[in-house]
Protein backbone atom coordinates (compact mmCIF):
# COMPACT_ATOMS: atom_id res chain seq x y z
CA VAL A 1 5.17 -30.70 16.65
CA SER A 2 6.70 -27.29 15.83
CA TYR A 3 5.29 -23.78 15.59
CA HIS A 4 6.25 -20.87 13.51
CA ILE A 5 4.95 -17.39 14.23
CA GLU A 6 4.76 -14.15 11.94
CA MET A 7 3.90 -10.67 13.09
CA SER A 8 3.45 -7.55 11.11
CA PHE A 9 2.28 -4.27 12.33
CA PHE A 10 1.93 -1.36 9.83
CA GLU A 11 0.35 1.95 9.55
CA VAL A 12 -1.31 3.52 6.47
CA TYR A 13 -0.64 7.33 6.50
CA ASN A 14 -0.64 9.88 3.81
CA GLU A 15 -1.48 6.99 1.21
CA LYS A 16 2.13 5.48 2.30
CA ILE A 17 2.67 2.07 4.35
CA HIS A 18 5.19 2.42 7.25
CA ASP A 19 6.32 -0.72 9.21
CA LEU A 20 6.06 0.12 12.82
CA LEU A 21 8.27 -2.75 14.05
CA VAL A 22 11.44 -1.36 12.35
CA CYS A 23 13.49 0.32 14.89
CA LYS A 24 14.82 3.44 13.13
CA GLY A 25 18.17 3.61 12.40
CA GLU A 26 18.65 0.05 12.86
CA ASN A 27 18.82 -2.81 10.42
CA GLY A 28 17.80 -6.46 10.79
CA GLN A 29 15.58 -8.00 13.55
CA LYS A 30 15.70 -7.02 16.93
CA LYS A 31 13.69 -8.61 20.41
CA GLN A 32 11.46 -6.08 21.74
CA PRO A 33 9.74 -6.24 25.05
CA SER A 34 6.51 -5.37 23.69
CA TRP A 35 6.09 -5.10 20.05
CA LEU A 36 2.54 -3.49 20.19
CA GLU A 37 4.16 -0.44 22.47
CA LEU A 38 6.87 -0.14 19.94
CA GLY A 39 4.55 0.08 17.12
CA ASN A 40 2.06 2.13 18.94
CA LYS A 41 4.94 4.49 19.93
CA GLN A 42 5.98 5.22 16.11
CA ARG A 43 2.36 5.97 14.89
CA ALA A 44 1.80 9.26 13.23
CA THR A 45 -0.02 11.40 15.84
CA ALA A 46 -0.95 15.18 16.01
CA ALA A 47 -3.37 17.60 17.89
CA THR A 48 -6.91 18.23 16.69
CA GLY A 49 -9.46 20.65 18.17
CA MET A 50 -10.99 17.68 20.37
CA ASN A 51 -7.68 15.94 21.29
CA ASP A 52 -4.26 16.99 22.26
CA LYS A 53 -3.21 13.64 20.67
CA SER A 54 -4.96 12.10 17.81
CA SER A 55 -3.93 9.38 15.31
CA ARG A 56 -3.73 10.51 11.50
CA SER A 57 -3.55 7.04 10.40
CA HIS A 58 -5.04 3.51 10.24
CA SER A 59 -2.78 0.54 11.85
CA VAL A 60 -3.04 -3.21 11.15
CA PHE A 61 -1.44 -6.06 13.43
CA THR A 62 -1.29 -9.33 12.16
CA LEU A 63 -0.14 -12.39 13.99
CA VAL A 64 -0.03 -15.76 12.17
CA MET A 65 0.67 -19.11 13.91
CA THR A 66 1.46 -22.56 11.85
CA GLN A 67 1.77 -25.49 13.53
CA THR A 68 3.82 -28.57 11.70
CA LYS A 69 3.98 -32.05 12.78
């Protein structure tokens, strides 16, 4: 039995899609200690009248695990 895991984390901001798992200024795949932490740090935020830091985007995290025999 083997497993294959695929993960994506992206945001929709100003009608554009941004990959939150891409390290800015780097190409290729890179191991990260916390993918969710990395993605959340790269989300678009700004101050509002009610919050010092408010998200201006929607984010989607997807994890797909496939098992093969």
